């Protein structure tokens, strides 16, 4: 088997170093990495790896890796991406696949499973670990009530800021939108989710992993 070129996007240098050594034993070569969410897509464009290992959380805050995944697939539709993260709530797993991931490997999994998954997705497969497949099946049966599933992308961003306690004026300033637009959007969010108390909004965001507790 020819060497498979891998890029790693993760903000922990020790993880990049450890994965590089482990993947080399399976015939995969790490040719570069990105440690900041803002550099992932351009680094990918420069390196042109066969596969990308992408974490979902960079530093403090939300799940920036999901937005990166969406941007990356929009620009490089044929990109083969494996999510490798400890942030594995069911709704996030589902959203990752919806946005174009070819594999979702929790960091609690044996790293050798990641290597096997990378080889398979390089061959054109989409990988579902048994426990991931089971969880997605249950989610399909019971329905997805998370903000990620029920809101539009911009509404999700507004929701996360609301959950952090920002006022409509503060959200408008941060997103470079008018306070009236944010007021209308926040009311729509509350109506869609069926919650109106600030404490309940924060609780839901924490439960779904959209903000840190």
C-alpha atoms as a PDB file:
ATOM      1  CA  UNK A   1       0.000   0.000   0.000  1.00  0.00           C
ATOM      2  CA  UNK A   2       1.370   3.430  -0.942  1.00  0.00           C
ATOM      3  CA  UNK A   3       1.892   5.986   1.797  1.00  0.00           C
ATOM      4  CA  UNK A   4      -1.262   7.925   2.698  1.00  0.00           C
ATOM      5  CA  UNK A   5      -0.672  11.610   3.443  1.00  0.00           C
ATOM      6  CA  UNK A   6      -2.502  12.889   6.511  1.00  0.00           C
ATOM      7  CA  UNK A   7      -3.123  16.337   7.952  1.00  0.00           C
ATOM      8  CA  UNK A   8      -4.121  16.762  11.594  1.00  0.00           C
ATOM      9  CA  UNK A   9      -6.185  19.704  12.840  1.00  0.00           C
ATOM     10  CA  UNK A  10      -5.986  19.755  16.631  1.00  0.00           C
ATOM     11  CA  UNK A  11      -4.880  22.407  19.104  1.00  0.00           C
ATOM     12  CA  UNK A  12      -2.987  19.971  21.356  1.00  0.00           C
ATOM     13  CA  UNK A  13       0.627  19.450  20.185  1.00  0.00           C
ATOM     14  CA  UNK A  14       0.965  16.241  22.184  1.00  0.00           C
ATOM     15  CA  UNK A  15      -1.982  14.715  20.356  1.00  0.00           C
ATOM     16  CA  UNK A  16      -0.503  15.695  16.992  1.00  0.00           C
ATOM     17  CA  UNK A  17       2.846  14.205  17.981  1.00  0.00           C
ATOM     18  CA  UNK A  18       1.322  11.009  19.367  1.00  0.00           C
ATOM     19  CA  UNK A  19      -0.949  10.474  16.376  1.00  0.00           C
ATOM     20  CA  UNK A  20       1.920  11.091  13.970  1.00  0.00           C
ATOM     21  CA  UNK A  21       3.923   8.270  15.520  1.00  0.00           C
ATOM     22  CA  UNK A  22       0.974   5.908  15.721  1.00  0.00           C
ATOM     23  CA  UNK A  23      -0.219   6.546  12.160  1.00  0.00           C
ATOM     24  CA  UNK A  24       3.273   6.013  10.751  1.00  0.00           C
ATOM     25  CA  UNK A  25       3.137   2.418  11.988  1.00  0.00           C
ATOM     26  CA  UNK A  26       0.091   1.888   9.774  1.00  0.00           C
ATOM     27  CA  UNK A  27       1.599   3.373   6.631  1.00  0.00           C
ATOM     28  CA  UNK A  28       0.145   6.840   7.053  1.00  0.00           C
ATOM     29  CA  UNK A  29       2.383   9.896   6.964  1.00  0.00           C
ATOM     30  CA  UNK A  30       1.451  13.136   8.745  1.00  0.00           C
ATOM     31  CA  UNK A  31       2.584  15.905   6.389  1.00  0.00           C
ATOM     32  CA  UNK A  32       1.373  18.855   8.442  1.00  0.00           C
ATOM     33  CA  UNK A  33      -1.041  20.168  11.043  1.00  0.00           C
ATOM     34  CA  UNK A  34      -3.163  23.151  12.018  1.00  0.00           C
ATOM     35  CA  UNK A  35      -3.524  24.165  15.639  1.00  0.00           C
ATOM     36  CA  UNK A  36      -5.918  27.076  15.135  1.00  0.00           C
ATOM     37  CA  UNK A  37      -9.438  26.840  13.788  1.00  0.00           C
ATOM     38  CA  UNK A  38      -8.867  29.794  11.456  1.00  0.00           C
ATOM     39  CA  UNK A  39      -5.976  28.113   9.637  1.00  0.00           C
ATOM     40  CA  UNK A  40      -7.434  24.686   8.922  1.00  0.00           C
ATOM     41  CA  UNK A  41      -8.931  25.305   5.478  1.00  0.00           C
ATOM     42  CA  UNK A  42      -5.952  27.231   4.097  1.00  0.00           C
ATOM     43  CA  UNK A  43      -3.493  24.686   5.480  1.00  0.00           C
ATOM     44  CA  UNK A  44      -5.526  21.947   3.826  1.00  0.00           C
ATOM     45  CA  UNK A  45      -5.452  23.889   0.540  1.00  0.00           C
ATOM     46  CA  UNK A  46      -1.673  24.190   0.769  1.00  0.00           C
ATOM     47  CA  UNK A  47      -0.876  20.617   1.825  1.00  0.00           C
ATOM     48  CA  UNK A  48      -3.556  18.812  -0.195  1.00  0.00           C
ATOM     49  CA  UNK A  49      -3.540  15.743   2.101  1.00  0.00           C
ATOM     50  CA  UNK A  50      -5.244  12.486   1.219  1.00  0.00           C
ATOM     51  CA  UNK A  51      -7.200  12.594   4.479  1.00  0.00           C
ATOM     52  CA  UNK A  52      -7.776  15.112   7.269  1.00  0.00           C
ATOM     53  CA  UNK A  53      -8.097  14.294  10.965  1.00  0.00           C
ATOM     54  CA  UNK A  54     -10.218  17.081  12.460  1.00  0.00           C
ATOM     55  CA  UNK A  55     -10.983  17.844  16.083  1.00  0.00           C
ATOM     56  CA  UNK A  56     -14.209  19.719  16.745  1.00  0.00           C
ATOM     57  CA  UNK A  57     -13.181  21.976  19.593  1.00  0.00           C
ATOM     58  CA  UNK A  58     -10.296  24.381  19.404  1.00  0.00           C
ATOM     59  CA  UNK A  59      -9.468  26.190  22.650  1.00  0.00           C
ATOM     60  CA  UNK A  60     -12.352  27.498  24.728  1.00  0.00           C
ATOM     61  CA  UNK A  61     -15.840  28.050  23.407  1.00  0.00           C
ATOM     62  CA  UNK A  62     -18.058  26.238  20.979  1.00  0.00           C
ATOM     63  CA  UNK A  63     -17.644  23.583  18.354  1.00  0.00           C
ATOM     64  CA  UNK A  64     -15.719  25.533  15.750  1.00  0.00           C
ATOM     65  CA  UNK A  65     -14.688  22.353  13.980  1.00  0.00           C
ATOM     66  CA  UNK A  66     -18.210  21.830  12.636  1.00  0.00           C
ATOM     67  CA  UNK A  67     -18.101  25.207  10.908  1.00  0.00           C
ATOM     68  CA  UNK A  68     -14.652  24.396   9.544  1.00  0.00           C
ATOM     69  CA  UNK A  69     -15.976  21.111   8.185  1.00  0.00           C
ATOM     70  CA  UNK A  70     -18.811  22.889   6.396  1.00  0.00           C
ATOM     71  CA  UNK A  71     -16.444  25.468   4.879  1.00  0.00           C
ATOM     72  CA  UNK A  72     -13.917  22.813   3.885  1.00  0.00           C
ATOM     73  CA  UNK A  73     -16.412  20.563   2.106  1.00  0.00           C
ATOM     74  CA  UNK A  74     -17.934  23.570   0.329  1.00  0.00           C
ATOM     75  CA  UNK A  75     -14.495  24.427  -1.056  1.00  0.00           C
ATOM     76  CA  UNK A  76     -13.184  20.878  -1.472  1.00  0.00           C
ATOM     77  CA  UNK A  77     -16.181  18.559  -1.998  1.00  0.00           C
ATOM     78  CA  UNK A  78     -13.955  15.512  -2.398  1.00  0.00           C
ATOM     79  CA  UNK A  79     -12.103  16.062   0.892  1.00  0.00           C
ATOM     80  CA  UNK A  80     -11.971  12.960   3.070  1.00  0.00           C
ATOM     81  CA  UNK A  81     -12.372  13.998   6.694  1.00  0.00           C
ATOM     82  CA  UNK A  82     -12.332  11.922   9.864  1.00  0.00           C
ATOM     83  CA  UNK A  83     -13.576  13.616  13.024  1.00  0.00           C
ATOM     84  CA  UNK A  84     -11.417  12.670  16.023  1.00  0.00           C
ATOM     85  CA  UNK A  85     -12.705  14.344  19.161  1.00  0.00           C
ATOM     86  CA  UNK A  86     -13.800  13.907  22.752  1.00  0.00           C
ATOM     87  CA  UNK A  87     -16.818  16.058  21.963  1.00  0.00           C
ATOM     88  CA  UNK A  88     -19.190  13.280  20.891  1.00  0.00           C
ATOM     89  CA  UNK A  89     -22.758  14.195  21.821  1.00  0.00           C
ATOM     90  CA  UNK A  90     -25.221  12.338  19.600  1.00  0.00           C
ATOM     91  CA  UNK A  91     -26.500  15.426  17.822  1.00  0.00           C
ATOM     92  CA  UNK A  92     -22.950  16.579  17.085  1.00  0.00           C
ATOM     93  CA  UNK A  93     -22.087  13.179  15.594  1.00  0.00           C
ATOM     94  CA  UNK A  94     -25.120  13.376  13.348  1.00  0.00           C
ATOM     95  CA  UNK A  95     -24.325  16.943  12.296  1.00  0.00           C
ATOM     96  CA  UNK A  96     -20.726  16.011  11.460  1.00  0.00           C
ATOM     97  CA  UNK A  97     -21.895  13.323   9.045  1.00  0.00           C
ATOM     98  CA  UNK A  98     -24.481  15.685   7.565  1.00  0.00           C
ATOM     99  CA  UNK A  99     -21.736  18.225   6.903  1.00  0.00           C
ATOM    100  CA  UNK A 100     -19.554  15.738   5.068  1.00  0.00           C
ATOM    101  CA  UNK A 101     -17.446  13.776   7.547  1.00  0.00           C
ATOM    102  CA  UNK A 102     -16.499  10.265   6.413  1.00  0.00           C
ATOM    103  CA  UNK A 103     -15.806   8.936   9.908  1.00  0.00           C
ATOM    104  CA  UNK A 104     -16.441   9.942  13.517  1.00  0.00           C
ATOM    105  CA  UNK A 105     -13.951   8.499  15.990  1.00  0.00           C
ATOM    106  CA  UNK A 106     -14.251   9.488  19.677  1.00  0.00           C
ATOM    107  CA  UNK A 107     -10.891  10.061  21.359  1.00  0.00           C
ATOM    108  CA  UNK A 108     -11.844   7.403  23.889  1.00  0.00           C
ATOM    109  CA  UNK A 109     -11.532   4.846  21.069  1.00  0.00           C
ATOM    110  CA  UNK A 110      -8.341   2.840  20.549  1.00  0.00           C
ATOM    111  CA  UNK A 111      -6.179   5.089  18.310  1.00  0.00           C
ATOM    112  CA  UNK A 112      -5.516   2.104  16.056  1.00  0.00           C
ATOM    113  CA  UNK A 113      -9.201   2.292  15.060  1.00  0.00           C
ATOM    114  CA  UNK A 114      -8.520   5.791  13.782  1.00  0.00           C
ATOM    115  CA  UNK A 115      -5.718   4.487  11.576  1.00  0.00           C
ATOM    116  CA  UNK A 116      -7.970   1.760  10.180  1.00  0.00           C
ATOM    117  CA  UNK A 117     -10.717   4.315   9.520  1.00  0.00           C
ATOM    118  CA  UNK A 118      -8.345   6.644   7.674  1.00  0.00           C
ATOM    119  CA  UNK A 119      -7.226   3.842   5.388  1.00  0.00           C
ATOM    120  CA  UNK A 120     -10.836   2.937   4.609  1.00  0.00           C
ATOM    121  CA  UNK A 121     -12.038   6.471   3.945  1.00  0.00           C
ATOM    122  CA  UNK A 122      -8.999   6.991   1.710  1.00  0.00           C
ATOM    123  CA  UNK A 123     -10.395   4.065  -0.274  1.00  0.00           C
ATOM    124  CA  UNK A 124     -13.732   5.855  -0.578  1.00  0.00           C
ATOM    125  CA  UNK A 125     -15.691   4.319   2.301  1.00  0.00           C
ATOM    126  CA  UNK A 126     -17.765   6.049   4.966  1.00  0.00           C
ATOM    127  CA  UNK A 127     -17.128   4.561   8.404  1.00  0.00           C
ATOM    128  CA  UNK A 128     -19.596   4.112  11.253  1.00  0.00           C
ATOM    129  CA  UNK A 129     -18.192   2.497  14.380  1.00  0.00           C
ATOM    130  CA  UNK A 130     -20.754   0.081  15.871  1.00  0.00           C
ATOM    131  CA  UNK A 131     -21.483   2.295  18.891  1.00  0.00           C
ATOM    132  CA  UNK A 132     -21.824   5.365  16.665  1.00  0.00           C
ATOM    133  CA  UNK A 133     -24.186   3.564  14.288  1.00  0.00           C
ATOM    134  CA  UNK A 134     -26.327   2.430  17.225  1.00  0.00           C
ATOM    135  CA  UNK A 135     -26.555   5.934  18.664  1.00  0.00           C
ATOM    136  CA  UNK A 136     -27.483   7.452  15.314  1.00  0.00           C
ATOM    137  CA  UNK A 137     -30.179   4.822  14.867  1.00  0.00           C
ATOM    138  CA  UNK A 138     -31.693   5.697  18.252  1.00  0.00           C
ATOM    139  CA  UNK A 139     -31.520   9.386  17.416  1.00  0.00           C
ATOM    140  CA  UNK A 140     -33.393   8.717  14.185  1.00  0.00           C
ATOM    141  CA  UNK A 141     -36.109   6.833  16.055  1.00  0.00           C
ATOM    142  CA  UNK A 142     -36.610   9.357  18.840  1.00  0.00           C
ATOM    143  CA  UNK A 143     -36.006  12.519  16.820  1.00  0.00           C
ATOM    144  CA  UNK A 144     -33.427  15.247  17.197  1.00  0.00           C
ATOM    145  CA  UNK A 145     -34.593  18.152  19.335  1.00  0.00           C
ATOM    146  CA  UNK A 146     -31.254  19.928  19.553  1.00  0.00           C
ATOM    147  CA  UNK A 147     -30.731  23.514  18.353  1.00  0.00           C
ATOM    148  CA  UNK A 148     -28.304  22.201  15.725  1.00  0.00           C
ATOM    149  CA  UNK A 149     -31.141  20.267  14.114  1.00  0.00           C
ATOM    150  CA  UNK A 150     -33.939  22.780  14.556  1.00  0.00           C
ATOM    151  CA  UNK A 151     -32.257  26.111  13.840  1.00  0.00           C
ATOM    152  CA  UNK A 152     -30.557  27.682  10.845  1.00  0.00           C
ATOM    153  CA  UNK A 153     -26.756  28.193  11.105  1.00  0.00           C
ATOM    154  CA  UNK A 154     -26.997  31.897  11.928  1.00  0.00           C
ATOM    155  CA  UNK A 155     -29.698  31.181  14.485  1.00  0.00           C
ATOM    156  CA  UNK A 156     -27.386  28.652  16.130  1.00  0.00           C
ATOM    157  CA  UNK A 157     -24.716  31.335  16.477  1.00  0.00           C
ATOM    158  CA  UNK A 158     -27.229  33.732  18.014  1.00  0.00           C
ATOM    159  CA  UNK A 159     -28.506  30.975  20.301  1.00  0.00           C
ATOM    160  CA  UNK A 160     -24.995  30.268  21.612  1.00  0.00           C
ATOM    161  CA  UNK A 161     -24.453  33.944  22.397  1.00  0.00           C
ATOM    162  CA  UNK A 162     -27.842  34.161  24.094  1.00  0.00           C
ATOM    163  CA  UNK A 163     -26.901  31.122  26.174  1.00  0.00           C
ATOM    164  CA  UNK A 164     -23.740  32.899  27.285  1.00  0.00           C
ATOM    165  CA  UNK A 165     -25.857  35.735  28.683  1.00  0.00           C
ATOM    166  CA  UNK A 166     -25.242  38.394  26.040  1.00  0.00           C
ATOM    167  CA  UNK A 167     -27.962  40.983  25.416  1.00  0.00           C
ATOM    168  CA  UNK A 168     -29.451  41.589  21.992  1.00  0.00           C
ATOM    169  CA  UNK A 169     -27.374  44.756  21.643  1.00  0.00           C
ATOM    170  CA  UNK A 170     -24.164  42.901  22.549  1.00  0.00           C
ATOM    171  CA  UNK A 171     -24.983  40.089  20.123  1.00  0.00           C
ATOM    172  CA  UNK A 172     -25.722  42.618  17.375  1.00  0.00           C
ATOM    173  CA  UNK A 173     -22.352  44.296  17.924  1.00  0.00           C
ATOM    174  CA  UNK A 174     -20.485  40.983  17.901  1.00  0.00           C
ATOM    175  CA  UNK A 175     -22.207  39.709  14.753  1.00  0.00           C
ATOM    176  CA  UNK A 176     -22.228  43.102  13.003  1.00  0.00           C
ATOM    177  CA  UNK A 177     -25.998  43.058  12.650  1.00  0.00           C
ATOM    178  CA  UNK A 178     -28.715  45.468  13.749  1.00  0.00           C
ATOM    179  CA  UNK A 179     -30.273  45.095  17.222  1.00  0.00           C
ATOM    180  CA  UNK A 180     -33.688  44.836  15.528  1.00  0.00           C
ATOM    181  CA  UNK A 181     -32.507  41.854  13.452  1.00  0.00           C
ATOM    182  CA  UNK A 182     -31.137  40.131  16.552  1.00  0.00           C
ATOM    183  CA  UNK A 183     -34.319  40.855  18.509  1.00  0.00           C
ATOM    184  CA  UNK A 184     -36.420  39.261  15.759  1.00  0.00           C
ATOM    185  CA  UNK A 185     -34.032  36.310  15.457  1.00  0.00           C
ATOM    186  CA  UNK A 186     -33.874  35.678  19.202  1.00  0.00           C
ATOM    187  CA  UNK A 187     -37.665  35.657  19.444  1.00  0.00           C
ATOM    188  CA  UNK A 188     -37.845  33.218  16.525  1.00  0.00           C
ATOM    189  CA  UNK A 189     -35.293  30.994  18.267  1.00  0.00           C
ATOM    190  CA  UNK A 190     -37.320  30.953  21.470  1.00  0.00           C
ATOM    191  CA  UNK A 191     -40.498  30.127  19.581  1.00  0.00           C
ATOM    192  CA  UNK A 192     -38.843  27.321  17.574  1.00  0.00           C
ATOM    193  CA  UNK A 193     -37.313  25.726  20.660  1.00  0.00           C
ATOM    194  CA  UNK A 194     -40.291  26.359  22.922  1.00  0.00           C
ATOM    195  CA  UNK A 195     -38.165  27.947  25.659  1.00  0.00           C
ATOM    196  CA  UNK A 196     -38.102  31.564  26.799  1.00  0.00           C
ATOM    197  CA  UNK A 197     -36.295  31.758  30.132  1.00  0.00           C
ATOM    198  CA  UNK A 198     -32.611  32.690  29.926  1.00  0.00           C
ATOM    199  CA  UNK A 199     -31.703  29.935  32.383  1.00  0.00           C
ATOM    200  CA  UNK A 200     -33.421  27.301  30.227  1.00  0.00           C
ATOM    201  CA  UNK A 201     -31.624  28.535  27.125  1.00  0.00           C
ATOM    202  CA  UNK A 202     -28.274  28.223  28.875  1.00  0.00           C
ATOM    203  CA  UNK A 203     -29.152  24.790  30.230  1.00  0.00           C
ATOM    204  CA  UNK A 204     -30.100  23.511  26.764  1.00  0.00           C
ATOM    205  CA  UNK A 205     -26.898  24.886  25.231  1.00  0.00           C
ATOM    206  CA  UNK A 206     -24.784  23.151  27.875  1.00  0.00           C
ATOM    207  CA  UNK A 207     -26.726  19.900  27.528  1.00  0.00           C
ATOM    208  CA  UNK A 208     -26.159  19.865  23.755  1.00  0.00           C
ATOM    209  CA  UNK A 209     -22.499  20.759  24.154  1.00  0.00           C
ATOM    210  CA  UNK A 210     -22.784  24.112  22.381  1.00  0.00           C
ATOM    211  CA  UNK A 211     -21.154  26.028  25.227  1.00  0.00           C
ATOM    212  CA  UNK A 212     -18.967  25.105  28.165  1.00  0.00           C
ATOM    213  CA  UNK A 213     -20.802  24.542  31.491  1.00  0.00           C
END
